[in-house]
Every structure is written in structure tokens, then in C-alpha cells.
Amino acid sequence: GDSPGFLLWRATLRWQRGVAAALAPLHLTHVQFVLLACAWW
């Protein structure tokens, strides 16, 4: 809990789970979303 890298790892995993859950109904993975969104933009 005193390691910034470990805390970042845990936070990143929690954030990724939230994003994956948000994208699941749209049938997109996180990386598919990023590339589609960037291409669209």
C-alpha cells in the first residue's frame, strides 16, 4: 500500500474493469474502442 507502482497497477485494473463493463453491451473491447474512437475523431 506504500508502493506507488503497485497502487497504480491496482487502480488501473479497477479502471479497466469499469471500462470493459461499459463497452460490453456495445460488443467492443477496450482496444477496439480506442482505435474506433480515434479513427472516428
Full PDB file with SEQRES, HELIX, SHEET, SSBOND, CRYST1, ORIGX, SCALE, CONECT and MASTER records, all heavy atoms in Angstrom:
SEQRES   1 A   41  GLY ASP SER PRO GLY PHE LEU LEU TRP ARG ALA THR LEU          
SEQRES   2 A   41  ARG TRP GLN ARG GLY VAL ALA ALA ALA LEU ALA PRO LEU          
SEQRES   3 A   41  HIS LEU THR HIS VAL GLN PHE VAL LEU LEU ALA CYS ALA          
SEQRES   4 A   41  TRP TRP                                                      
HELIX    1 AA1 PRO A    4  LEU A   23  1                                  20    
HELIX    2 AA2 ALA A   24  LEU A   26  5                                   3    
HELIX    3 AA3 HIS A   30  TRP A   40  1                                  11    
CRYST1    1.000    1.000    1.000  90.00  90.00  90.00 P 1           1          
ORIGX1      1.000000  0.000000  0.000000        0.00000                         
ORIGX2      0.000000  1.000000  0.000000        0.00000                         
ORIGX3      0.000000  0.000000  1.000000        0.00000                         
SCALE1      1.000000  0.000000  0.000000        0.00000                         
SCALE2      0.000000  1.000000  0.000000        0.00000                         
SCALE3      0.000000  0.000000  1.000000        0.00000                         
ATOM      1  N   GLY A   1       0.793  -1.220   0.000  1.00  0.00           N  
ATOM      2  CA  GLY A   1       0.000   0.000   0.000  1.00  0.00           C  
ATOM      3  C   GLY A   1       0.822   1.264   0.000  1.00  0.00           C  
ATOM      4  O   GLY A   1       0.295   2.361  -0.184  1.00  0.00           O  
ATOM      5  N   ASP A   2       2.143   1.131   0.218  1.00  0.00           N  
ATOM      6  CA  ASP A   2       3.051   2.280   0.182  1.00  0.00           C  
ATOM      7  C   ASP A   2       3.851   2.337  -1.123  1.00  0.00           C  
ATOM      8  O   ASP A   2       4.755   3.149  -1.256  1.00  0.00           O  
ATOM      9  CB  ASP A   2       4.026   2.225   1.364  1.00  0.00           C  
ATOM     10  CG  ASP A   2       3.309   2.376   2.698  1.00  0.00           C  
ATOM     11  OD1 ASP A   2       2.253   3.047   2.734  1.00  0.00           O  
ATOM     12  OD2 ASP A   2       3.799   1.810   3.695  1.00  0.00           O  
ATOM     13  N   SER A   3       3.536   1.468  -2.055  1.00  0.00           N  
ATOM     14  CA  SER A   3       4.249   1.423  -3.334  1.00  0.00           C  
ATOM     15  C   SER A   3       3.411   2.112  -4.415  1.00  0.00           C  
ATOM     16  O   SER A   3       2.343   1.617  -4.781  1.00  0.00           O  
ATOM     17  CB  SER A   3       4.496  -0.040  -3.738  1.00  0.00           C  
ATOM     18  OG  SER A   3       4.962  -0.096  -5.069  1.00  0.00           O  
ATOM     19  N   PRO A   4       3.866   3.255  -4.950  1.00  0.00           N  
ATOM     20  CA  PRO A   4       3.084   3.945  -5.981  1.00  0.00           C  
ATOM     21  C   PRO A   4       2.815   3.061  -7.199  1.00  0.00           C  
ATOM     22  O   PRO A   4       1.717   3.088  -7.765  1.00  0.00           O  
ATOM     23  CB  PRO A   4       3.949   5.149  -6.361  1.00  0.00           C  
ATOM     24  CG  PRO A   4       4.922   5.313  -5.266  1.00  0.00           C  
ATOM     25  CD  PRO A   4       5.096   3.976  -4.621  1.00  0.00           C  
ATOM     26  N   GLY A   5       3.808   2.277  -7.593  1.00  0.00           N  
ATOM     27  CA  GLY A   5       3.624   1.411  -8.756  1.00  0.00           C  
ATOM     28  C   GLY A   5       2.550   0.370  -8.531  1.00  0.00           C  
ATOM     29  O   GLY A   5       1.717   0.101  -9.404  1.00  0.00           O  
ATOM     30  N   PHE A   6       2.557  -0.246  -7.354  1.00  0.00           N  
ATOM     31  CA  PHE A   6       1.546  -1.254  -7.045  1.00  0.00           C  
ATOM     32  C   PHE A   6       0.154  -0.622  -6.969  1.00  0.00           C  
ATOM     33  O   PHE A   6      -0.825  -1.174  -7.473  1.00  0.00           O  
ATOM     34  CB  PHE A   6       1.888  -1.974  -5.739  1.00  0.00           C  
ATOM     35  CG  PHE A   6       0.940  -3.091  -5.414  1.00  0.00           C  
ATOM     36  CD1 PHE A   6       0.926  -4.251  -6.185  1.00  0.00           C  
ATOM     37  CD2 PHE A   6       0.058  -2.993  -4.355  1.00  0.00           C  
ATOM     38  CE1 PHE A   6       0.049  -5.294  -5.902  1.00  0.00           C  
ATOM     39  CE2 PHE A   6      -0.819  -4.032  -4.061  1.00  0.00           C  
ATOM     40  CZ  PHE A   6      -0.828  -5.180  -4.831  1.00  0.00           C  
ATOM     41  N   LEU A   7       0.065   0.555  -6.358  1.00  0.00           N  
ATOM     42  CA  LEU A   7      -1.224   1.246  -6.272  1.00  0.00           C  
ATOM     43  C   LEU A   7      -1.736   1.633  -7.663  1.00  0.00           C  
ATOM     44  O   LEU A   7      -2.930   1.509  -7.946  1.00  0.00           O  
ATOM     45  CB  LEU A   7      -1.113   2.479  -5.371  1.00  0.00           C  
ATOM     46  CG  LEU A   7      -0.914   2.176  -3.885  1.00  0.00           C  
ATOM     47  CD1 LEU A   7      -0.621   3.465  -3.124  1.00  0.00           C  
ATOM     48  CD2 LEU A   7      -2.126   1.457  -3.312  1.00  0.00           C  
ATOM     49  N   LEU A   8      -0.817   2.076  -8.516  1.00  0.00           N  
ATOM     50  CA  LEU A   8      -1.213   2.411  -9.890  1.00  0.00           C  
ATOM     51  C   LEU A   8      -1.716   1.164 -10.613  1.00  0.00           C  
ATOM     52  O   LEU A   8      -2.705   1.202 -11.339  1.00  0.00           O  
ATOM     53  CB  LEU A   8      -0.054   3.046 -10.650  1.00  0.00           C  
ATOM     54  CG  LEU A   8      -0.326   3.437 -12.099  1.00  0.00           C  
ATOM     55  CD1 LEU A   8      -1.460   4.458 -12.194  1.00  0.00           C  
ATOM     56  CD2 LEU A   8       0.946   3.989 -12.738  1.00  0.00           C  
ATOM     57  N   TRP A   9      -1.016   0.048 -10.418  1.00  0.00           N  
ATOM     58  CA  TRP A   9      -1.431  -1.225 -11.011  1.00  0.00           C  
ATOM     59  C   TRP A   9      -2.858  -1.569 -10.582  1.00  0.00           C  
ATOM     60  O   TRP A   9      -3.710  -1.898 -11.403  1.00  0.00           O  
ATOM     61  CB  TRP A   9      -0.444  -2.319 -10.583  1.00  0.00           C  
ATOM     62  CG  TRP A   9      -0.882  -3.703 -10.904  1.00  0.00           C  
ATOM     63  CD1 TRP A   9      -1.352  -4.632 -10.030  1.00  0.00           C  
ATOM     64  CD2 TRP A   9      -0.904  -4.327 -12.192  1.00  0.00           C  
ATOM     65  NE1 TRP A   9      -1.652  -5.798 -10.686  1.00  0.00           N  
ATOM     66  CE2 TRP A   9      -1.390  -5.630 -12.017  1.00  0.00           C  
ATOM     67  CE3 TRP A   9      -0.555  -3.901 -13.466  1.00  0.00           C  
ATOM     68  CZ2 TRP A   9      -1.536  -6.520 -13.067  1.00  0.00           C  
ATOM     69  CZ3 TRP A   9      -0.702  -4.796 -14.518  1.00  0.00           C  
ATOM     70  CH2 TRP A   9      -1.183  -6.075 -14.314  1.00  0.00           C  
ATOM     71  N   ARG A  10      -3.132  -1.486  -9.284  1.00  0.00           N  
ATOM     72  CA  ARG A  10      -4.455  -1.829  -8.768  1.00  0.00           C  
ATOM     73  C   ARG A  10      -5.514  -0.868  -9.297  1.00  0.00           C  
ATOM     74  O   ARG A  10      -6.606  -1.285  -9.690  1.00  0.00           O  
ATOM     75  CB  ARG A  10      -4.443  -1.814  -7.236  1.00  0.00           C  
ATOM     76  CG  ARG A  10      -3.544  -2.840  -6.566  1.00  0.00           C  
ATOM     77  CD  ARG A  10      -4.084  -4.261  -6.681  1.00  0.00           C  
ATOM     78  NE  ARG A  10      -5.428  -4.412  -6.211  1.00  0.00           N  
ATOM     79  CZ  ARG A  10      -5.793  -4.767  -4.984  1.00  0.00           C  
ATOM     80  NH1 ARG A  10      -4.881  -5.029  -4.078  1.00  0.00           N  
ATOM     81  NH2 ARG A  10      -7.067  -4.885  -4.667  1.00  0.00           N  
ATOM     82  N   ALA A  11      -5.197   0.418  -9.308  1.00  0.00           N  
ATOM     83  CA  ALA A  11      -6.150   1.413  -9.808  1.00  0.00           C  
ATOM     84  C   ALA A  11      -6.424   1.194 -11.291  1.00  0.00           C  
ATOM     85  O   ALA A  11      -7.574   1.281 -11.747  1.00  0.00           O  
ATOM     86  CB  ALA A  11      -5.613   2.827  -9.564  1.00  0.00           C  
ATOM     87  N   THR A  12      -5.373   0.895 -12.058  1.00  0.00           N  
ATOM     88  CA  THR A  12      -5.530   0.658 -13.490  1.00  0.00           C  
ATOM     89  C   THR A  12      -6.427  -0.540 -13.755  1.00  0.00           C  
ATOM     90  O   THR A  12      -7.313  -0.487 -14.613  1.00  0.00           O  
ATOM     91  CB  THR A  12      -4.155   0.456 -14.158  1.00  0.00           C  
ATOM     92  OG1 THR A  12      -3.373   1.632 -13.954  1.00  0.00           O  
ATOM     93  CG2 THR A  12      -4.294   0.193 -15.642  1.00  0.00           C  
ATOM     94  N   LEU A  13      -6.233  -1.611 -13.007  1.00  0.00           N  
ATOM     95  CA  LEU A  13      -7.073  -2.795 -13.178  1.00  0.00           C  
ATOM     96  C   LEU A  13      -8.544  -2.486 -12.862  1.00  0.00           C  
ATOM     97  O   LEU A  13      -9.448  -2.916 -13.583  1.00  0.00           O  
ATOM     98  CB  LEU A  13      -6.573  -3.947 -12.304  1.00  0.00           C  
ATOM     99  CG  LEU A  13      -5.238  -4.559 -12.725  1.00  0.00           C  
ATOM    100  CD1 LEU A  13      -4.809  -5.608 -11.703  1.00  0.00           C  
ATOM    101  CD2 LEU A  13      -5.324  -5.155 -14.119  1.00  0.00           C  
ATOM    102  N   ARG A  14      -8.767  -1.739 -11.786  1.00  0.00           N  
ATOM    103  CA  ARG A  14     -10.142  -1.365 -11.422  1.00  0.00           C  
ATOM    104  C   ARG A  14     -10.772  -0.494 -12.506  1.00  0.00           C  
ATOM    105  O   ARG A  14     -11.916  -0.702 -12.905  1.00  0.00           O  
ATOM    106  CB  ARG A  14     -10.137  -0.644 -10.070  1.00  0.00           C  
ATOM    107  CG  ARG A  14     -11.516  -0.573  -9.451  1.00  0.00           C  
ATOM    108  CD  ARG A  14     -11.465   0.039  -8.043  1.00  0.00           C  
ATOM    109  NE  ARG A  14     -12.319   1.198  -8.094  1.00  0.00           N  
ATOM    110  CZ  ARG A  14     -11.949   2.452  -7.955  1.00  0.00           C  
ATOM    111  NH1 ARG A  14     -10.704   2.750  -7.695  1.00  0.00           N  
ATOM    112  NH2 ARG A  14     -12.807   3.422  -8.043  1.00  0.00           N  
ATOM    113  N   TRP A  15      -9.998   0.460 -13.029  1.00  0.00           N  
ATOM    114  CA  TRP A  15     -10.499   1.325 -14.095  1.00  0.00           C  
ATOM    115  C   TRP A  15     -10.801   0.504 -15.351  1.00  0.00           C  
ATOM    116  O   TRP A  15     -11.851   0.676 -15.974  1.00  0.00           O  
ATOM    117  CB  TRP A  15      -9.474   2.421 -14.387  1.00  0.00           C  
ATOM    118  CG  TRP A  15      -9.779   3.225 -15.608  1.00  0.00           C  
ATOM    119  CD1 TRP A  15     -10.775   4.163 -15.745  1.00  0.00           C  
ATOM    120  CD2 TRP A  15      -9.109   3.154 -16.859  1.00  0.00           C  
ATOM    121  NE1 TRP A  15     -10.741   4.685 -17.017  1.00  0.00           N  
ATOM    122  CE2 TRP A  15      -9.731   4.080 -17.717  1.00  0.00           C  
ATOM    123  CE3 TRP A  15      -8.045   2.412 -17.330  1.00  0.00           C  
ATOM    124  CZ2 TRP A  15      -9.311   4.281 -19.022  1.00  0.00           C  
ATOM    125  CZ3 TRP A  15      -7.629   2.606 -18.619  1.00  0.00           C  
ATOM    126  CH2 TRP A  15      -8.260   3.532 -19.458  1.00  0.00           C  
ATOM    127  N   GLN A  16      -9.890  -0.405 -15.719  1.00  0.00           N  
ATOM    128  CA  GLN A  16     -10.101  -1.226 -16.907  1.00  0.00           C  
ATOM    129  C   GLN A  16     -11.343  -2.097 -16.785  1.00  0.00           C  
ATOM    130  O   GLN A  16     -12.073  -2.274 -17.765  1.00  0.00           O  
ATOM    131  CB  GLN A  16      -8.877  -2.104 -17.187  1.00  0.00           C  
ATOM    132  CG  GLN A  16      -7.694  -1.315 -17.702  1.00  0.00           C  
ATOM    133  CD  GLN A  16      -6.441  -2.166 -17.861  1.00  0.00           C  
ATOM    134  OE1 GLN A  16      -6.274  -3.179 -17.198  1.00  0.00           O  
ATOM    135  NE2 GLN A  16      -5.560  -1.728 -18.747  1.00  0.00           N  
ATOM    136  N   ARG A  17     -11.604  -2.630 -15.604  1.00  0.00           N  
ATOM    137  CA  ARG A  17     -12.820  -3.426 -15.409  1.00  0.00           C  
ATOM    138  C   ARG A  17     -14.060  -2.573 -15.637  1.00  0.00           C  
ATOM    139  O   ARG A  17     -15.030  -3.027 -16.251  1.00  0.00           O  
ATOM    140  CB  ARG A  17     -12.844  -4.039 -14.010  1.00  0.00           C  
ATOM    141  CG  ARG A  17     -11.941  -5.243 -13.859  1.00  0.00           C  
ATOM    142  CD  ARG A  17     -12.191  -6.001 -12.547  1.00  0.00           C  
ATOM    143  NE  ARG A  17     -11.947  -5.199 -11.355  1.00  0.00           N  
ATOM    144  CZ  ARG A  17     -10.772  -5.085 -10.750  1.00  0.00           C  
ATOM    145  NH1 ARG A  17      -9.706  -5.720 -11.229  1.00  0.00           N  
ATOM    146  NH2 ARG A  17     -10.644  -4.352  -9.662  1.00  0.00           N  
ATOM    147  N   GLY A  18     -14.043  -1.348 -15.159  1.00  0.00           N  
ATOM    148  CA  GLY A  18     -15.182  -0.444 -15.357  1.00  0.00           C  
ATOM    149  C   GLY A  18     -15.408  -0.115 -16.824  1.00  0.00           C  
ATOM    150  O   GLY A  18     -16.541  -0.103 -17.306  1.00  0.00           O  
ATOM    151  N   VAL A  19     -14.331   0.139 -17.546  1.00  0.00           N  
ATOM    152  CA  VAL A  19     -14.431   0.442 -18.980  1.00  0.00           C  
ATOM    153  C   VAL A  19     -14.917  -0.785 -19.747  1.00  0.00           C  
ATOM    154  O   VAL A  19     -15.795  -0.683 -20.612  1.00  0.00           O  
ATOM    155  CB  VAL A  19     -13.089   0.966 -19.541  1.00  0.00           C  
ATOM    156  CG1 VAL A  19     -13.123   1.063 -21.060  1.00  0.00           C  
ATOM    157  CG2 VAL A  19     -12.749   2.322 -18.923  1.00  0.00           C  
ATOM    158  N   ALA A  20     -14.377  -1.950 -19.423  1.00  0.00           N  
ATOM    159  CA  ALA A  20     -14.803  -3.180 -20.101  1.00  0.00           C  
ATOM    160  C   ALA A  20     -16.287  -3.432 -19.888  1.00  0.00           C  
ATOM    161  O   ALA A  20     -17.008  -3.813 -20.823  1.00  0.00           O  
ATOM    162  CB  ALA A  20     -13.978  -4.370 -19.613  1.00  0.00           C  
ATOM    163  N   ALA A  21     -16.764  -3.201 -18.673  1.00  0.00           N  
ATOM    164  CA  ALA A  21     -18.198  -3.392 -18.383  1.00  0.00           C  
ATOM    165  C   ALA A  21     -19.048  -2.392 -19.165  1.00  0.00           C  
ATOM    166  O   ALA A  21     -20.130  -2.741 -19.652  1.00  0.00           O  
ATOM    167  CB  ALA A  21     -18.447  -3.254 -16.881  1.00  0.00           C  
ATOM    168  N   ALA A  22     -18.566  -1.166 -19.301  1.00  0.00           N  
ATOM    169  CA  ALA A  22     -19.319  -0.152 -20.054  1.00  0.00           C  
ATOM    170  C   ALA A  22     -19.383  -0.487 -21.542  1.00  0.00           C  
ATOM    171  O   ALA A  22     -20.377  -0.183 -22.207  1.00  0.00           O  
ATOM    172  CB  ALA A  22     -18.672   1.225 -19.852  1.00  0.00           C  
ATOM    173  N   LEU A  23     -18.331  -1.117 -22.067  1.00  0.00           N  
ATOM    174  CA  LEU A  23     -18.261  -1.422 -23.501  1.00  0.00           C  
ATOM    175  C   LEU A  23     -18.895  -2.768 -23.861  1.00  0.00           C  
ATOM    176  O   LEU A  23     -19.225  -2.997 -25.028  1.00  0.00           O  
ATOM    177  CB  LEU A  23     -16.804  -1.405 -23.963  1.00  0.00           C  
ATOM    178  CG  LEU A  23     -16.142  -0.029 -23.972  1.00  0.00           C  
ATOM    179  CD1 LEU A  23     -14.650  -0.166 -24.215  1.00  0.00           C  
ATOM    180  CD2 LEU A  23     -16.789   0.871 -25.018  1.00  0.00           C  
ATOM    181  N   ALA A  24     -19.064  -3.647 -22.900  1.00  0.00           N  
ATOM    182  CA  ALA A  24     -19.588  -4.988 -23.183  1.00  0.00           C  
ATOM    183  C   ALA A  24     -20.927  -4.960 -23.922  1.00  0.00           C  
ATOM    184  O   ALA A  24     -21.092  -5.690 -24.911  1.00  0.00           O  
ATOM    185  CB  ALA A  24     -19.689  -5.805 -21.897  1.00  0.00           C  
ATOM    186  N   PRO A  25     -21.892  -4.129 -23.516  1.00  0.00           N  
ATOM    187  CA  PRO A  25     -23.166  -4.115 -24.246  1.00  0.00           C  
ATOM    188  C   PRO A  25     -23.028  -3.650 -25.700  1.00  0.00           C  
ATOM    189  O   PRO A  25     -23.895  -3.926 -26.533  1.00  0.00           O  
ATOM    190  CB  PRO A  25     -24.037  -3.131 -23.457  1.00  0.00           C  
ATOM    191  CG  PRO A  25     -23.388  -3.000 -22.124  1.00  0.00           C  
ATOM    192  CD  PRO A  25     -21.929  -3.269 -22.340  1.00  0.00           C  
ATOM    193  N   LEU A  26     -21.941  -2.962 -26.001  1.00  0.00           N  
ATOM    194  CA  LEU A  26     -21.700  -2.464 -27.356  1.00  0.00           C  
ATOM    195  C   LEU A  26     -20.834  -3.432 -28.166  1.00  0.00           C  
ATOM    196  O   LEU A  26     -20.512  -3.158 -29.318  1.00  0.00           O  
ATOM    197  CB  LEU A  26     -21.029  -1.086 -27.288  1.00  0.00           C  
ATOM    198  CG  LEU A  26     -21.833  -0.018 -26.530  1.00  0.00           C  
ATOM    199  CD1 LEU A  26     -21.021   1.260 -26.387  1.00  0.00           C  
ATOM    200  CD2 LEU A  26     -23.161   0.248 -27.207  1.00  0.00           C  
ATOM    201  N   HIS A  27     -20.447  -4.528 -27.549  1.00  0.00           N  
ATOM    202  CA  HIS A  27     -19.647  -5.581 -28.195  1.00  0.00           C  
ATOM    203  C   HIS A  27     -18.300  -5.064 -28.695  1.00  0.00           C  
ATOM    204  O   HIS A  27     -17.856  -5.404 -29.788  1.00  0.00           O  
ATOM    205  CB  HIS A  27     -20.433  -6.252 -29.328  1.00  0.00           C  
ATOM    206  CG  HIS A  27     -21.769  -6.733 -28.893  1.00  0.00           C  
ATOM    207  ND1 HIS A  27     -21.938  -7.822 -28.073  1.00  0.00           N  
ATOM    208  CD2 HIS A  27     -23.019  -6.251 -29.126  1.00  0.00           C  
ATOM    209  CE1 HIS A  27     -23.220  -7.999 -27.838  1.00  0.00           C  
ATOM    210  NE2 HIS A  27     -23.903  -7.060 -28.443  1.00  0.00           N  
ATOM    211  N   LEU A  28     -17.664  -4.246 -27.854  1.00  0.00           N  
ATOM    212  CA  LEU A  28     -16.333  -3.726 -28.153  1.00  0.00           C  
ATOM    213  C   LEU A  28     -15.395  -4.045 -27.000  1.00  0.00           C  
ATOM    214  O   LEU A  28     -15.782  -3.932 -25.836  1.00  0.00           O  
ATOM    215  CB  LEU A  28     -16.356  -2.203 -28.336  1.00  0.00           C  
ATOM    216  CG  LEU A  28     -17.020  -1.631 -29.567  1.00  0.00           C  
ATOM    217  CD1 LEU A  28     -17.093  -0.109 -29.454  1.00  0.00           C  
ATOM    218  CD2 LEU A  28     -16.280  -2.029 -30.822  1.00  0.00           C  
ATOM    219  N   THR A  29     -14.165  -4.412 -27.341  1.00  0.00           N  
ATOM    220  CA  THR A  29     -13.129  -4.492 -26.319  1.00  0.00           C  
ATOM    221  C   THR A  29     -12.587  -3.080 -26.120  1.00  0.00           C  
ATOM    222  O   THR A  29     -12.860  -2.164 -26.916  1.00  0.00           O  
ATOM    223  CB  THR A  29     -11.980  -5.420 -26.751  1.00  0.00           C  
ATOM    224  OG1 THR A  29     -11.308  -4.831 -27.871  1.00  0.00           O  
ATOM    225  CG2 THR A  29     -12.487  -6.816 -27.083  1.00  0.00           C  
ATOM    226  N   HIS A  30     -11.788  -2.924 -25.074  1.00  0.00           N  
ATOM    227  CA  HIS A  30     -11.227  -1.603 -24.798  1.00  0.00           C  
ATOM    228  C   HIS A  30     -10.351  -1.114 -25.957  1.00  0.00           C  
ATOM    229  O   HIS A  30     -10.473   0.026 -26.408  1.00  0.00           O  
ATOM    230  CB  HIS A  30     -10.433  -1.662 -23.496  1.00  0.00           C  
ATOM    231  CG  HIS A  30     -10.168  -0.315 -22.905  1.00  0.00           C  
ATOM    232  ND1 HIS A  30      -9.746  -0.158 -21.631  1.00  0.00           N  
ATOM    233  CD2 HIS A  30     -10.246   0.935 -23.415  1.00  0.00           C  
ATOM    234  CE1 HIS A  30      -9.573   1.130 -21.373  1.00  0.00           C  
ATOM    235  NE2 HIS A  30      -9.867   1.814 -22.446  1.00  0.00           N  
ATOM    236  N   VAL A  31      -9.471  -1.966 -26.460  1.00  0.00           N  
ATOM    237  CA  VAL A  31      -8.584  -1.538 -27.551  1.00  0.00           C  
ATOM    238  C   VAL A  31      -9.379  -1.289 -28.835  1.00  0.00           C  
ATOM    239  O   VAL A  31      -9.071  -0.355 -29.589  1.00  0.00           O  
ATOM    240  CB  VAL A  31      -7.413  -2.522 -27.754  1.00  0.00           C  
ATOM    241  CG1 VAL A  31      -7.856  -3.830 -28.350  1.00  0.00           C  
ATOM    242  CG2 VAL A  31      -6.323  -1.891 -28.606  1.00  0.00           C  
ATOM    243  N   GLN A  32     -10.410  -2.085 -29.098  1.00  0.00           N  
ATOM    244  CA  GLN A  32     -11.267  -1.820 -30.266  1.00  0.00           C  
ATOM    245  C   GLN A  32     -11.919  -0.450 -30.136  1.00  0.00           C  
ATOM    246  O   GLN A  32     -11.971   0.319 -31.096  1.00  0.00           O  
ATOM    247  CB  GLN A  32     -12.339  -2.903 -30.407  1.00  0.00           C  
ATOM    248  CG  GLN A  32     -11.826  -4.231 -30.859  1.00  0.00           C  
ATOM    249  CD  GLN A  32     -12.880  -5.319 -30.770  1.00  0.00           C  
ATOM    250  OE1 GLN A  32     -14.004  -5.110 -30.306  1.00  0.00           O  
ATOM    251  NE2 GLN A  32     -12.506  -6.516 -31.201  1.00  0.00           N  
ATOM    252  N   PHE A  33     -12.380  -0.146 -28.933  1.00  0.00           N  
ATOM    253  CA  PHE A  33     -12.985   1.165 -28.687  1.00  0.00           C  
ATOM    254  C   PHE A  33     -11.992   2.286 -28.956  1.00  0.00           C  
ATOM    255  O   PHE A  33     -12.310   3.262 -29.638  1.00  0.00           O  
ATOM    256  CB  PHE A  33     -13.492   1.258 -27.241  1.00  0.00           C  
ATOM    257  CG  PHE A  33     -13.643   2.681 -26.779  1.00  0.00           C  
ATOM    258  CD1 PHE A  33     -14.676   3.472 -27.254  1.00  0.00           C  
ATOM    259  CD2 PHE A  33     -12.725   3.249 -25.906  1.00  0.00           C  
ATOM    260  CE1 PHE A  33     -14.799   4.803 -26.855  1.00  0.00           C  
ATOM    261  CE2 PHE A  33     -12.838   4.558 -25.510  1.00  0.00           C  
ATOM    262  CZ  PHE A  33     -13.879   5.346 -25.990  1.00  0.00           C  
ATOM    263  N   VAL A  34     -10.793   2.163 -28.402  1.00  0.00           N  
ATOM    264  CA  VAL A  34      -9.799   3.237 -28.551  1.00  0.00           C  
ATOM    265  C   VAL A  34      -9.499   3.481 -30.029  1.00  0.00           C  
ATOM    266  O   VAL A  34      -9.473   4.629 -30.490  1.00  0.00           O  
ATOM    267  CB  VAL A  34      -8.517   2.920 -27.754  1.00  0.00           C  
ATOM    268  CG1 VAL A  34      -7.393   3.879 -28.114  1.00  0.00           C  
ATOM    269  CG2 VAL A  34      -8.791   2.965 -26.258  1.00  0.00           C  
ATOM    270  N   LEU A  35      -9.289   2.417 -30.792  1.00  0.00           N  
ATOM    271  CA  LEU A  35      -8.950   2.588 -32.206  1.00  0.00           C  
ATOM    272  C   LEU A  35     -10.138   3.109 -33.008  1.00  0.00           C  
ATOM    273  O   LEU A  35      -9.970   3.976 -33.878  1.00  0.00           O  
ATOM    274  CB  LEU A  35      -8.415   1.279 -32.782  1.00  0.00           C  
ATOM    275  CG  LEU A  35      -7.065   0.852 -32.195  1.00  0.00           C  
ATOM    276  CD1 LEU A  35      -6.656  -0.513 -32.715  1.00  0.00           C  
ATOM    277  CD2 LEU A  35      -5.980   1.882 -32.474  1.00  0.00           C  
ATOM    278  N   LEU A  36     -11.326   2.618 -32.719  1.00  0.00           N  
ATOM    279  CA  LEU A  36     -12.518   3.132 -33.403  1.00  0.00           C  
ATOM    280  C   LEU A  36     -12.735   4.606 -33.073  1.00  0.00           C  
ATOM    281  O   LEU A  36     -12.974   5.425 -33.965  1.00  0.00           O  
ATOM    282  CB  LEU A  36     -13.758   2.313 -33.020  1.00  0.00           C  
ATOM    283  CG  LEU A  36     -15.085   2.814 -33.598  1.00  0.00           C  
ATOM    284  CD1 LEU A  36     -15.088   2.730 -35.126  1.00  0.00           C  
ATOM    285  CD2 LEU A  36     -16.249   2.028 -32.996  1.00  0.00           C  
ATOM    286  N   ALA A  37     -12.637   4.955 -31.795  1.00  0.00           N  
ATOM    287  CA  ALA A  37     -12.850   6.343 -31.377  1.00  0.00           C  
ATOM    288  C   ALA A  37     -11.806   7.271 -31.994  1.00  0.00           C  
ATOM    289  O   ALA A  37     -12.143   8.377 -32.457  1.00  0.00           O  
ATOM    290  CB  ALA A  37     -12.830   6.442 -29.851  1.00  0.00           C  
ATOM    291  N   CYS A  38     -10.554   6.848 -32.021  1.00  0.00           N  
ATOM    292  CA  CYS A  38      -9.503   7.680 -32.620  1.00  0.00           C  
ATOM    293  C   CYS A  38      -9.725   7.840 -34.126  1.00  0.00           C  
ATOM    294  O   CYS A  38      -9.581   8.950 -34.658  1.00  0.00           O  
ATOM    295  CB  CYS A  38      -8.123   7.093 -32.334  1.00  0.00           C  
ATOM    296  SG  CYS A  38      -7.553   7.304 -30.638  1.00  0.00           S  
ATOM    297  N   ALA A  39     -10.047   6.754 -34.804  1.00  0.00           N  
ATOM    298  CA  ALA A  39     -10.305   6.835 -36.256  1.00  0.00           C  
ATOM    299  C   ALA A  39     -11.503   7.732 -36.527  1.00  0.00           C  
ATOM    300  O   ALA A  39     -11.484   8.572 -37.441  1.00  0.00           O  
ATOM    301  CB  ALA A  39     -10.534   5.442 -36.834  1.00  0.00           C  
ATOM    302  N   TRP A  40     -12.554   7.575 -35.732  1.00  0.00           N  
ATOM    303  CA  TRP A  40     -13.759   8.401 -35.898  1.00  0.00           C  
ATOM    304  C   TRP A  40     -13.418   9.875 -35.680  1.00  0.00           C  
ATOM    305  O   TRP A  40     -13.814  10.739 -36.464  1.00  0.00           O  
ATOM    306  CB  TRP A  40     -14.831   7.934 -34.901  1.00  0.00           C  
ATOM    307  CG  TRP A  40     -16.049   8.785 -34.882  1.00  0.00           C  
ATOM    308  CD1 TRP A  40     -17.089   8.759 -35.768  1.00  0.00           C  
ATOM    309  CD2 TRP A  40     -16.357   9.812 -33.930  1.00  0.00           C  
ATOM    310  NE1 TRP A  40     -18.027   9.707 -35.415  1.00  0.00           N  
ATOM    311  CE2 TRP A  40     -17.595  10.366 -34.285  1.00  0.00           C  
ATOM    312  CE3 TRP A  40     -15.706  10.310 -32.807  1.00  0.00           C  
ATOM    313  CZ2 TRP A  40     -18.197  11.389 -33.564  1.00  0.00           C  
ATOM    314  CZ3 TRP A  40     -16.307  11.328 -32.083  1.00  0.00           C  
ATOM    315  CH2 TRP A  40     -17.541  11.849 -32.471  1.00  0.00           C  
ATOM    316  N   TRP A  41     -12.650  10.162 -34.620  1.00  0.00           N  
ATOM    317  CA  TRP A  41     -12.284  11.543 -34.321  1.00  0.00           C  
ATOM    318  C   TRP A  41     -11.463  12.137 -35.473  1.00  0.00           C  
ATOM    319  O   TRP A  41     -11.728  13.251 -35.920  1.00  0.00           O  
ATOM    320  CB  TRP A  41     -11.501  11.605 -33.008  1.00  0.00           C  
ATOM    321  CG  TRP A  41     -11.258  13.007 -32.541  1.00  0.00           C  
ATOM    322  CD1 TRP A  41     -12.080  13.776 -31.785  1.00  0.00           C  
ATOM    323  CD2 TRP A  41     -10.107  13.811 -32.819  1.00  0.00           C  
ATOM    324  NE1 TRP A  41     -11.514  15.007 -31.572  1.00  0.00           N  
ATOM    325  CE2 TRP A  41     -10.306  15.052 -32.197  1.00  0.00           C  
ATOM    326  CE3 TRP A  41      -8.931  13.593 -33.531  1.00  0.00           C  
ATOM    327  CZ2 TRP A  41      -9.367  16.081 -32.267  1.00  0.00           C  
ATOM    328  CZ3 TRP A  41      -8.005  14.615 -33.592  1.00  0.00           C  
ATOM    329  CH2 TRP A  41      -8.227  15.851 -32.966  1.00  0.00           C  
TER     330      TRP A  41                                                      
MASTER        0    0    0    3    0    0    0    6  329    1    0    4          
END                                                                             
